[in-house]
Amino acid sequence: MNQVFWARMHGGATHFPIALLVVSVLFDHAGFWWREELPRREFRAFGFYSLLIAAAVSPAAVISGIALSKGILLGTGLLALHHYFIWLVAMMSAGYWGGEMIIGR
């Protein structure tokens, strides 16, 4: 497979989970403020499953990114800066959601 395929695959596999994270936050927020119990539960369930799907699709972004960089995990130049930023954000997100799982609401 050529670089164009991996570039397209990486773009889609990266931005689809990001969009699902935004959807998850919006529905969680709606579920928090909604007064009626049934829609509240449905909003929160939709937010949870959006987050779950985003997490399930995320490894495709990693695999396509590794294929795109031809196995050089960190890369050089701007690609290395990109990885520093993304890995920092991923660690912060994992820390936040880990705290949410342990402490709960």
PDB file of N, CA and C in Angstrom:
ATOM      1  N   MET A   1       0.837  -1.181   0.000  1.00  0.00           N
ATOM      2  CA  MET A   1       0.000   0.000   0.000  1.00  0.00           C
ATOM      3  C   MET A   1       0.885   1.249   0.000  1.00  0.00           C
ATOM      4  N   ASN A   2       0.413   2.259  -0.688  1.00  0.00           N
ATOM      5  CA  ASN A   2       1.249   3.445  -0.852  1.00  0.00           C
ATOM      6  C   ASN A   2       0.972   4.488   0.230  1.00  0.00           C
ATOM      7  N   GLN A   3       1.771   5.547   0.202  1.00  0.00           N
ATOM      8  CA  GLN A   3       1.684   6.610   1.211  1.00  0.00           C
ATOM      9  C   GLN A   3       0.363   7.364   1.156  1.00  0.00           C
ATOM     10  N   VAL A   4      -0.212   7.497  -0.032  1.00  0.00           N
ATOM     11  CA  VAL A   4      -1.488   8.212  -0.160  1.00  0.00           C
ATOM     12  C   VAL A   4      -2.577   7.470   0.610  1.00  0.00           C
ATOM     13  N   PHE A   5      -2.590   6.148   0.486  1.00  0.00           N
ATOM     14  CA  PHE A   5      -3.568   5.351   1.231  1.00  0.00           C
ATOM     15  C   PHE A   5      -3.411   5.565   2.733  1.00  0.00           C
ATOM     16  N   TRP A   6      -2.169   5.469   3.235  1.00  0.00           N
ATOM     17  CA  TRP A   6      -1.940   5.600   4.683  1.00  0.00           C
ATOM     18  C   TRP A   6      -2.242   7.014   5.176  1.00  0.00           C
ATOM     19  N   ALA A   7      -1.966   8.016   4.332  1.00  0.00           N
ATOM     20  CA  ALA A   7      -2.267   9.394   4.714  1.00  0.00           C
ATOM     21  C   ALA A   7      -3.778   9.589   4.848  1.00  0.00           C
ATOM     22  N   ARG A   8      -4.536   9.060   3.904  1.00  0.00           N
ATOM     23  CA  ARG A   8      -5.999   9.167   3.982  1.00  0.00           C
ATOM     24  C   ARG A   8      -6.543   8.367   5.152  1.00  0.00           C
ATOM     25  N   MET A   9      -6.012   7.174   5.339  1.00  0.00           N
ATOM     26  CA  MET A   9      -6.451   6.324   6.447  1.00  0.00           C
ATOM     27  C   MET A   9      -6.162   7.005   7.786  1.00  0.00           C
ATOM     28  N   HIS A  10      -4.980   7.594   7.915  1.00  0.00           N
ATOM     29  CA  HIS A  10      -4.611   8.245   9.169  1.00  0.00           C
ATOM     30  C   HIS A  10      -5.478   9.474   9.423  1.00  0.00           C
ATOM     31  N   GLY A  11      -5.757  10.243   8.392  1.00  0.00           N
ATOM     32  CA  GLY A  11      -6.609  11.419   8.553  1.00  0.00           C
ATOM     33  C   GLY A  11      -8.008  11.050   9.024  1.00  0.00           C
ATOM     34  N   GLY A  12      -8.604  10.063   8.384  1.00  0.00           N
ATOM     35  CA  GLY A  12      -9.947   9.630   8.782  1.00  0.00           C
ATOM     36  C   GLY A  12      -9.969   8.970  10.143  1.00  0.00           C
ATOM     37  N   ALA A  13      -8.990   8.118  10.396  1.00  0.00           N
ATOM     38  CA  ALA A  13      -8.946   7.389  11.668  1.00  0.00           C
ATOM     39  C   ALA A  13      -8.597   8.304  12.834  1.00  0.00           C
ATOM     40  N   THR A  14      -8.040   9.456  12.559  1.00  0.00           N
ATOM     41  CA  THR A  14      -7.719  10.414  13.611  1.00  0.00           C
ATOM     42  C   THR A  14      -8.881  11.363  13.880  1.00  0.00           C
ATOM     43  N   HIS A  15      -9.465  11.888  12.836  1.00  0.00           N
ATOM     44  CA  HIS A  15     -10.495  12.918  13.019  1.00  0.00           C
ATOM     45  C   HIS A  15     -11.864  12.358  13.378  1.00  0.00           C
ATOM     46  N   PHE A  16     -12.169  11.140  12.990  1.00  0.00           N
ATOM     47  CA  PHE A  16     -13.446  10.536  13.374  1.00  0.00           C
ATOM     48  C   PHE A  16     -13.557  10.363  14.891  1.00  0.00           C
ATOM     49  N   PRO A  17     -12.550   9.810  15.573  1.00  0.00           N
ATOM     50  CA  PRO A  17     -12.652   9.731  17.038  1.00  0.00           C
ATOM     51  C   PRO A  17     -12.678  11.101  17.717  1.00  0.00           C
ATOM     52  N   ILE A  18     -11.972  12.081  17.157  1.00  0.00           N
ATOM     53  CA  ILE A  18     -12.012  13.420  17.742  1.00  0.00           C
ATOM     54  C   ILE A  18     -13.425  13.988  17.656  1.00  0.00           C
ATOM     55  N   ALA A  19     -14.077  13.800  16.509  1.00  0.00           N
ATOM     56  CA  ALA A  19     -15.463  14.261  16.365  1.00  0.00           C
ATOM     57  C   ALA A  19     -16.379  13.518  17.336  1.00  0.00           C
ATOM     58  N   LEU A  20     -16.151  12.224  17.527  1.00  0.00           N
ATOM     59  CA  LEU A  20     -16.967  11.468  18.474  1.00  0.00           C
ATOM     60  C   LEU A  20     -16.751  11.939  19.907  1.00  0.00           C
ATOM     61  N   LEU A  21     -15.549  12.381  20.243  1.00  0.00           N
ATOM     62  CA  LEU A  21     -15.311  12.915  21.581  1.00  0.00           C
ATOM     63  C   LEU A  21     -16.109  14.193  21.806  1.00  0.00           C
ATOM     64  N   VAL A  22     -16.175  15.041  20.783  1.00  0.00           N
ATOM     65  CA  VAL A  22     -16.972  16.266  20.890  1.00  0.00           C
ATOM     66  C   VAL A  22     -18.451  15.910  21.054  1.00  0.00           C
ATOM     67  N   VAL A  23     -18.921  14.938  20.271  1.00  0.00           N
ATOM     68  CA  VAL A  23     -20.313  14.481  20.385  1.00  0.00           C
ATOM     69  C   VAL A  23     -20.578  13.943  21.781  1.00  0.00           C
ATOM     70  N   SER A  24     -19.633  13.175  22.312  1.00  0.00           N
ATOM     71  CA  SER A  24     -19.785  12.619  23.655  1.00  0.00           C
ATOM     72  C   SER A  24     -19.920  13.706  24.707  1.00  0.00           C
ATOM     73  N   VAL A  25     -19.086  14.724  24.612  1.00  0.00           N
ATOM     74  CA  VAL A  25     -19.153  15.828  25.575  1.00  0.00           C
ATOM     75  C   VAL A  25     -20.486  16.558  25.477  1.00  0.00           C
ATOM     76  N   LEU A  26     -20.959  16.796  24.255  1.00  0.00           N
ATOM     77  CA  LEU A  26     -22.232  17.489  24.076  1.00  0.00           C
ATOM     78  C   LEU A  26     -23.399  16.702  24.670  1.00  0.00           C
ATOM     79  N   PHE A  27     -23.434  15.405  24.419  1.00  0.00           N
ATOM     80  CA  PHE A  27     -24.533  14.601  24.947  1.00  0.00           C
ATOM     81  C   PHE A  27     -24.427  14.396  26.456  1.00  0.00           C
ATOM     82  N   ASP A  28     -23.217  14.268  26.971  1.00  0.00           N
ATOM     83  CA  ASP A  28     -23.058  14.212  28.434  1.00  0.00           C
ATOM     84  C   ASP A  28     -23.531  15.505  29.075  1.00  0.00           C
ATOM     85  N   HIS A  29     -23.201  16.607  28.449  1.00  0.00           N
ATOM     86  CA  HIS A  29     -23.628  17.910  28.958  1.00  0.00           C
ATOM     87  C   HIS A  29     -25.157  18.026  28.927  1.00  0.00           C
ATOM     88  N   ALA A  30     -25.780  17.595  27.825  1.00  0.00           N
ATOM     89  CA  ALA A  30     -27.244  17.623  27.730  1.00  0.00           C
ATOM     90  C   ALA A  30     -27.857  16.707  28.783  1.00  0.00           C
ATOM     91  N   GLY A  31     -27.251  15.548  29.000  1.00  0.00           N
ATOM     92  CA  GLY A  31     -27.756  14.628  30.013  1.00  0.00           C
ATOM     93  C   GLY A  31     -27.617  15.158  31.423  1.00  0.00           C
ATOM     94  N   PHE A  32     -26.620  15.981  31.638  1.00  0.00           N
ATOM     95  CA  PHE A  32     -26.435  16.564  32.967  1.00  0.00           C
ATOM     96  C   PHE A  32     -27.520  17.593  33.273  1.00  0.00           C
ATOM     97  N   TRP A  33     -27.892  18.408  32.276  1.00  0.00           N
ATOM     98  CA  TRP A  33     -28.819  19.510  32.517  1.00  0.00           C
ATOM     99  C   TRP A  33     -30.292  19.158  32.279  1.00  0.00           C
ATOM    100  N   TRP A  34     -30.557  18.051  31.588  1.00  0.00           N
ATOM    101  CA  TRP A  34     -31.944  17.703  31.272  1.00  0.00           C
ATOM    102  C   TRP A  34     -32.686  17.299  32.540  1.00  0.00           C
ATOM    103  N   ARG A  35     -33.920  17.735  32.667  1.00  0.00           N
ATOM    104  CA  ARG A  35     -34.673  17.487  33.901  1.00  0.00           C
ATOM    105  C   ARG A  35     -35.379  16.129  33.918  1.00  0.00           C
ATOM    106  N   GLU A  36     -35.929  15.695  32.797  1.00  0.00           N
ATOM    107  CA  GLU A  36     -36.661  14.427  32.758  1.00  0.00           C
ATOM    108  C   GLU A  36     -35.683  13.261  32.766  1.00  0.00           C
ATOM    109  N   GLU A  37     -36.011  12.230  33.518  1.00  0.00           N
ATOM    110  CA  GLU A  37     -35.075  11.131  33.753  1.00  0.00           C
ATOM    111  C   GLU A  37     -34.793  10.293  32.500  1.00  0.00           C
ATOM    112  N   LEU A  38     -35.823   9.940  31.731  1.00  0.00           N
ATOM    113  CA  LEU A  38     -35.609   9.073  30.574  1.00  0.00           C
ATOM    114  C   LEU A  38     -34.710   9.724  29.513  1.00  0.00           C
ATOM    115  N   PRO A  39     -34.994  10.956  29.071  1.00  0.00           N
ATOM    116  CA  PRO A  39     -34.068  11.582  28.108  1.00  0.00           C
ATOM    117  C   PRO A  39     -32.677  11.801  28.697  1.00  0.00           C
ATOM    118  N   ARG A  40     -32.611  12.068  29.985  1.00  0.00           N
ATOM    119  CA  ARG A  40     -31.319  12.270  30.641  1.00  0.00           C
ATOM    120  C   ARG A  40     -30.462  11.014  30.527  1.00  0.00           C
ATOM    121  N   ARG A  41     -31.055   9.869  30.824  1.00  0.00           N
ATOM    122  CA  ARG A  41     -30.319   8.602  30.713  1.00  0.00           C
ATOM    123  C   ARG A  41     -29.911   8.313  29.280  1.00  0.00           C
ATOM    124  N   GLU A  42     -30.820   8.589  28.335  1.00  0.00           N
ATOM    125  CA  GLU A  42     -30.508   8.324  26.932  1.00  0.00           C
ATOM    126  C   GLU A  42     -29.387   9.227  26.419  1.00  0.00           C
ATOM    127  N   PHE A  43     -29.405  10.487  26.794  1.00  0.00           N
ATOM    128  CA  PHE A  43     -28.315  11.390  26.405  1.00  0.00           C
ATOM    129  C   PHE A  43     -26.985  10.903  26.955  1.00  0.00           C
ATOM    130  N   ARG A  44     -26.978  10.520  28.213  1.00  0.00           N
ATOM    131  CA  ARG A  44     -25.724  10.073  28.824  1.00  0.00           C
ATOM    132  C   ARG A  44     -25.252   8.749  28.242  1.00  0.00           C
ATOM    133  N   ALA A  45     -26.210   7.862  27.908  1.00  0.00           N
ATOM    134  CA  ALA A  45     -25.834   6.595  27.274  1.00  0.00           C
ATOM    135  C   ALA A  45     -25.239   6.843  25.889  1.00  0.00           C
ATOM    136  N   PHE A  46     -25.865   7.748  25.133  1.00  0.00           N
ATOM    137  CA  PHE A  46     -25.338   8.076  23.813  1.00  0.00           C
ATOM    138  C   PHE A  46     -23.943   8.680  23.928  1.00  0.00           C
ATOM    139  N   GLY A  47     -23.734   9.531  24.910  1.00  0.00           N
ATOM    140  CA  GLY A  47     -22.407  10.100  25.132  1.00  0.00           C
ATOM    141  C   GLY A  47     -21.382   9.041  25.486  1.00  0.00           C
ATOM    142  N   PHE A  48     -21.782   8.085  26.327  1.00  0.00           N
ATOM    143  CA  PHE A  48     -20.872   7.007  26.719  1.00  0.00           C
ATOM    144  C   PHE A  48     -20.498   6.134  25.530  1.00  0.00           C
ATOM    145  N   TYR A  49     -21.486   5.746  24.736  1.00  0.00           N
ATOM    146  CA  TYR A  49     -21.196   4.874  23.599  1.00  0.00           C
ATOM    147  C   TYR A  49     -20.417   5.604  22.505  1.00  0.00           C
ATOM    148  N   SER A  50     -20.607   6.894  22.371  1.00  0.00           N
ATOM    149  CA  SER A  50     -19.785   7.671  21.443  1.00  0.00           C
ATOM    150  C   SER A  50     -18.329   7.632  21.881  1.00  0.00           C
ATOM    151  N   LEU A  51     -18.105   7.775  23.176  1.00  0.00           N
ATOM    152  CA  LEU A  51     -16.748   7.703  23.718  1.00  0.00           C
ATOM    153  C   LEU A  51     -16.150   6.314  23.536  1.00  0.00           C
ATOM    154  N   LEU A  52     -16.966   5.292  23.737  1.00  0.00           N
ATOM    155  CA  LEU A  52     -16.503   3.915  23.582  1.00  0.00           C
ATOM    156  C   LEU A  52     -16.096   3.630  22.134  1.00  0.00           C
ATOM    157  N   ILE A  53     -16.892   4.083  21.183  1.00  0.00           N
ATOM    158  CA  ILE A  53     -16.559   3.888  19.771  1.00  0.00           C
ATOM    159  C   ILE A  53     -15.282   4.652  19.411  1.00  0.00           C
ATOM    160  N   ALA A  54     -15.138   5.860  19.934  1.00  0.00           N
ATOM    161  CA  ALA A  54     -13.917   6.645  19.683  1.00  0.00           C
ATOM    162  C   ALA A  54     -12.684   5.905  20.192  1.00  0.00           C
ATOM    163  N   ALA A  55     -12.796   5.309  21.365  1.00  0.00           N
ATOM    164  CA  ALA A  55     -11.661   4.558  21.920  1.00  0.00           C
ATOM    165  C   ALA A  55     -11.366   3.310  21.094  1.00  0.00           C
ATOM    166  N   ALA A  56     -12.398   2.674  20.581  1.00  0.00           N
ATOM    167  CA  ALA A  56     -12.204   1.459  19.781  1.00  0.00           C
ATOM    168  C   ALA A  56     -11.557   1.755  18.430  1.00  0.00           C
ATOM    169  N   VAL A  57     -11.833   2.919  17.858  1.00  0.00           N
ATOM    170  CA  VAL A  57     -11.302   3.282  16.545  1.00  0.00           C
ATOM    171  C   VAL A  57      -9.899   3.879  16.648  1.00  0.00           C
ATOM    172  N   SER A  58      -9.535   4.390  17.799  1.00  0.00           N
ATOM    173  CA  SER A  58      -8.254   5.077  17.959  1.00  0.00           C
ATOM    174  C   SER A  58      -7.020   4.250  17.596  1.00  0.00           C
ATOM    175  N   PRO A  59      -6.971   2.945  17.879  1.00  0.00           N
ATOM    176  CA  PRO A  59      -5.786   2.187  17.447  1.00  0.00           C
ATOM    177  C   PRO A  59      -5.542   2.226  15.936  1.00  0.00           C
ATOM    178  N   ALA A  60      -6.589   2.398  15.145  1.00  0.00           N
ATOM    179  CA  ALA A  60      -6.405   2.517  13.693  1.00  0.00           C
ATOM    180  C   ALA A  60      -5.598   3.767  13.358  1.00  0.00           C
ATOM    181  N   ALA A  61      -5.786   4.835  14.132  1.00  0.00           N
ATOM    182  CA  ALA A  61      -5.003   6.054  13.915  1.00  0.00           C
ATOM    183  C   ALA A  61      -3.531   5.813  14.225  1.00  0.00           C
ATOM    184  N   VAL A  62      -3.269   5.070  15.276  1.00  0.00           N
ATOM    185  CA  VAL A  62      -1.882   4.777  15.654  1.00  0.00           C
ATOM    186  C   VAL A  62      -1.218   3.888  14.604  1.00  0.00           C
ATOM    187  N   ILE A  63      -1.909   2.835  14.195  1.00  0.00           N
ATOM    188  CA  ILE A  63      -1.341   1.902  13.220  1.00  0.00           C
ATOM    189  C   ILE A  63      -1.093   2.598  11.885  1.00  0.00           C
ATOM    190  N   SER A  64      -2.066   3.392  11.434  1.00  0.00           N
ATOM    191  CA  SER A  64      -1.877   4.090  10.158  1.00  0.00           C
ATOM    192  C   SER A  64      -0.782   5.153  10.267  1.00  0.00           C
ATOM    193  N   GLY A  65      -0.639   5.773  11.429  1.00  0.00           N
ATOM    194  CA  GLY A  65       0.430   6.742  11.624  1.00  0.00           C
ATOM    195  C   GLY A  65       1.804   6.101  11.593  1.00  0.00           C
ATOM    196  N   ILE A  66       1.922   4.923  12.192  1.00  0.00           N
ATOM    197  CA  ILE A  66       3.197   4.193  12.150  1.00  0.00           C
ATOM    198  C   ILE A  66       3.519   3.770  10.722  1.00  0.00           C
ATOM    199  N   ALA A  67       2.504   3.312   9.997  1.00  0.00           N
ATOM    200  CA  ALA A  67       2.731   2.930   8.594  1.00  0.00           C
ATOM    201  C   ALA A  67       3.099   4.147   7.756  1.00  0.00           C
ATOM    202  N   LEU A  68       2.480   5.281   8.046  1.00  0.00           N
ATOM    203  CA  LEU A  68       2.755   6.505   7.297  1.00  0.00           C
ATOM    204  C   LEU A  68       4.180   6.995   7.534  1.00  0.00           C
ATOM    205  N   SER A  69       4.673   6.838   8.754  1.00  0.00           N
ATOM    206  CA  SER A  69       6.039   7.278   9.056  1.00  0.00           C
ATOM    207  C   SER A  69       7.074   6.183   8.800  1.00  0.00           C
ATOM    208  N   LYS A  70       6.632   5.088   8.188  1.00  0.00           N
ATOM    209  CA  LYS A  70       7.504   3.954   7.816  1.00  0.00           C
ATOM    210  C   LYS A  70       8.222   3.361   9.023  1.00  0.00           C
ATOM    211  N   GLY A  71       7.505   3.302  10.140  1.00  0.00           N
ATOM    212  CA  GLY A  71       8.029   2.631  11.320  1.00  0.00           C
ATOM    213  C   GLY A  71       8.871   3.481  12.241  1.00  0.00           C
ATOM    214  N   ILE A  72       9.168   4.704  11.857  1.00  0.00           N
ATOM    215  CA  ILE A  72       9.928   5.597  12.724  1.00  0.00           C
ATOM    216  C   ILE A  72       8.923   6.246  13.671  1.00  0.00           C
ATOM    217  N   LEU A  73       8.890   5.786  14.905  1.00  0.00           N
ATOM    218  CA  LEU A  73       7.826   6.179  15.824  1.00  0.00           C
ATOM    219  C   LEU A  73       7.817   7.661  16.152  1.00  0.00           C
ATOM    220  N   LEU A  74       8.945   8.233  16.445  1.00  0.00           N
ATOM    221  CA  LEU A  74       8.974   9.640  16.824  1.00  0.00           C
ATOM    222  C   LEU A  74       9.015  10.561  15.618  1.00  0.00           C
ATOM    223  N   GLY A  75       9.739  10.179  14.601  1.00  0.00           N
ATOM    224  CA  GLY A  75       9.880  11.036  13.425  1.00  0.00           C
ATOM    225  C   GLY A  75      10.892  12.143  13.678  1.00  0.00           C
ATOM    226  N   THR A  76      10.977  13.056  12.742  1.00  0.00           N
ATOM    227  CA  THR A  76      11.911  14.180  12.872  1.00  0.00           C
ATOM    228  C   THR A  76      11.192  15.467  12.504  1.00  0.00           C
ATOM    229  N   GLY A  77      11.750  16.574  12.904  1.00  0.00           N
ATOM    230  CA  GLY A  77      11.224  17.884  12.539  1.00  0.00           C
ATOM    231  C   GLY A  77       9.818  18.127  13.061  1.00  0.00           C
ATOM    232  N   LEU A  78       8.943  18.589  12.169  1.00  0.00           N
ATOM    233  CA  LEU A  78       7.568  18.901  12.565  1.00  0.00           C
ATOM    234  C   LEU A  78       6.794  17.662  12.996  1.00  0.00           C
ATOM    235  N   LEU A  79       7.123  16.527  12.404  1.00  0.00           N
ATOM    236  CA  LEU A  79       6.461  15.286  12.807  1.00  0.00           C
ATOM    237  C   LEU A  79       6.770  14.948  14.263  1.00  0.00           C
ATOM    238  N   ALA A  80       8.001  15.168  14.695  1.00  0.00           N
ATOM    239  CA  ALA A  80       8.362  14.925  16.091  1.00  0.00           C
ATOM    240  C   ALA A  80       7.605  15.877  17.021  1.00  0.00           C
ATOM    241  N   LEU A  81       7.504  17.157  16.636  1.00  0.00           N
ATOM    242  CA  LEU A  81       6.726  18.105  17.448  1.00  0.00           C
ATOM    243  C   LEU A  81       5.262  17.696  17.530  1.00  0.00           C
ATOM    244  N   HIS A  82       4.729  17.210  16.431  1.00  0.00           N
ATOM    245  CA  HIS A  82       3.356  16.720  16.400  1.00  0.00           C
ATOM    246  C   HIS A  82       3.185  15.579  17.415  1.00  0.00           C
ATOM    247  N   HIS A  83       4.132  14.663  17.423  1.00  0.00           N
ATOM    248  CA  HIS A  83       4.032  13.525  18.345  1.00  0.00           C
ATOM    249  C   HIS A  83       4.181  13.953  19.806  1.00  0.00           C
ATOM    250  N   TYR A  84       5.056  14.887  20.075  1.00  0.00           N
ATOM    251  CA  TYR A  84       5.184  15.374  21.459  1.00  0.00           C
ATOM    252  C   TYR A  84       3.855  15.939  21.954  1.00  0.00           C
ATOM    253  N   PHE A  85       3.206  16.731  21.126  1.00  0.00           N
ATOM    254  CA  PHE A  85       1.927  17.341  21.511  1.00  0.00           C
ATOM    255  C   PHE A  85       0.844  16.285  21.676  1.00  0.00           C
ATOM    256  N   ILE A  86       0.713  15.389  20.712  1.00  0.00           N
ATOM    257  CA  ILE A  86      -0.351  14.378  20.742  1.00  0.00           C
ATOM    258  C   ILE A  86      -0.169  13.445  21.931  1.00  0.00           C
ATOM    259  N   TRP A  87       1.039  13.009  22.200  1.00  0.00           N
ATOM    260  CA  TRP A  87       1.249  12.089  23.317  1.00  0.00           C
ATOM    261  C   TRP A  87       0.957  12.767  24.653  1.00  0.00           C
ATOM    262  N   LEU A  88       1.303  14.047  24.774  1.00  0.00           N
ATOM    263  CA  LEU A  88       0.999  14.782  25.994  1.00  0.00           C
ATOM    264  C   LEU A  88      -0.511  14.880  26.204  1.00  0.00           C
ATOM    265  N   VAL A  89      -1.242  15.199  25.142  1.00  0.00           N
ATOM    266  CA  VAL A  89      -2.704  15.299  25.238  1.00  0.00           C
ATOM    267  C   VAL A  89      -3.312  13.945  25.573  1.00  0.00           C
ATOM    268  N   ALA A  90      -2.811  12.879  24.962  1.00  0.00           N
ATOM    269  CA  ALA A  90      -3.334  11.537  25.239  1.00  0.00           C
ATOM    270  C   ALA A  90      -3.107  11.159  26.705  1.00  0.00           C
ATOM    271  N   MET A  91      -1.936  11.489  27.246  1.00  0.00           N
ATOM    272  CA  MET A  91      -1.668  11.168  28.659  1.00  0.00           C
ATOM    273  C   MET A  91      -2.557  11.973  29.579  1.00  0.00           C
ATOM    274  N   MET A  92      -2.786  13.245  29.241  1.00  0.00           N
ATOM    275  CA  MET A  92      -3.658  14.071  30.082  1.00  0.00           C
ATOM    276  C   MET A  92      -5.089  13.551  30.032  1.00  0.00           C
ATOM    277  N   SER A  93      -5.545  13.155  28.852  1.00  0.00           N
ATOM    278  CA  SER A  93      -6.902  12.612  28.717  1.00  0.00           C
ATOM    279  C   SER A  93      -7.049  11.315  29.494  1.00  0.00           C
ATOM    280  N   ALA A  94      -6.051  10.461  29.404  1.00  0.00           N
ATOM    281  CA  ALA A  94      -6.107   9.197  30.137  1.00  0.00           C
ATOM    282  C   ALA A  94      -6.127   9.442  31.644  1.00  0.00           C
ATOM    283  N   GLY A  95      -5.372  10.420  32.097  1.00  0.00           N
ATOM    284  CA  GLY A  95      -5.380  10.749  33.522  1.00  0.00           C
ATOM    285  C   GLY A  95      -6.725  11.269  33.978  1.00  0.00           C
ATOM    286  N   TYR A  96      -7.337  12.132  33.168  1.00  0.00           N
ATOM    287  CA  TYR A  96      -8.644  12.682  33.526  1.00  0.00           C
ATOM    288  C   TYR A  96      -9.697  11.578  33.594  1.00  0.00           C
ATOM    289  N   TRP A  97      -9.780  10.772  32.540  1.00  0.00           N
ATOM    290  CA  TRP A  97     -10.827   9.750  32.503  1.00  0.00           C
ATOM    291  C   TRP A  97     -10.558   8.641  33.516  1.00  0.00           C
ATOM    292  N   GLY A  98      -9.305   8.380  33.822  1.00  0.00           N
ATOM    293  CA  GLY A  98      -9.005   7.422  34.887  1.00  0.00           C
ATOM    294  C   GLY A  98      -9.515   7.921  36.233  1.00  0.00           C
ATOM    295  N   GLY A  99      -9.339   9.222  36.495  1.00  0.00           N
ATOM    296  CA  GLY A  99      -9.877   9.805  37.719  1.00  0.00           C
ATOM    297  C   GLY A  99     -11.378   9.753  37.761  1.00  0.00           C
ATOM    298  N   GLU A 100     -12.020   9.988  36.617  1.00  0.00           N
ATOM    299  CA  GLU A 100     -13.488   9.904  36.561  1.00  0.00           C
ATOM    300  C   GLU A 100     -13.966   8.481  36.852  1.00  0.00           C
ATOM    301  N   MET A 101     -13.237   7.501  36.365  1.00  0.00           N
ATOM    302  CA  MET A 101     -13.637   6.104  36.596  1.00  0.00           C
ATOM    303  C   MET A 101     -13.477   5.728  38.067  1.00  0.00           C
ATOM    304  N   ILE A 102     -12.424   6.213  38.703  1.00  0.00           N
ATOM    305  CA  ILE A 102     -12.174   5.857  40.092  1.00  0.00           C
ATOM    306  C   ILE A 102     -13.071   6.629  41.036  1.00  0.00           C
ATOM    307  N   ILE A 103     -13.155   7.942  40.858  1.00  0.00           N
ATOM    308  CA  ILE A 103     -13.938   8.781  41.766  1.00  0.00           C
ATOM    309  C   ILE A 103     -15.415   8.739  41.447  1.00  0.00           C
ATOM    310  N   GLY A 104     -15.760   8.703  40.163  1.00  0.00           N
ATOM    311  CA  GLY A 104     -17.164   8.662  39.746  1.00  0.00           C
ATOM    312  C   GLY A 104     -17.819  10.017  39.907  1.00  0.00           C
ATOM    313  N   ARG A 105     -19.120  10.018  39.679  1.00  0.00           N
ATOM    314  CA  ARG A 105     -19.873  11.277  39.781  1.00  0.00           C
ATOM    315  C   ARG A 105     -20.794  11.237  40.949  1.00  0.00           C
TER     316      ARG A 105
END
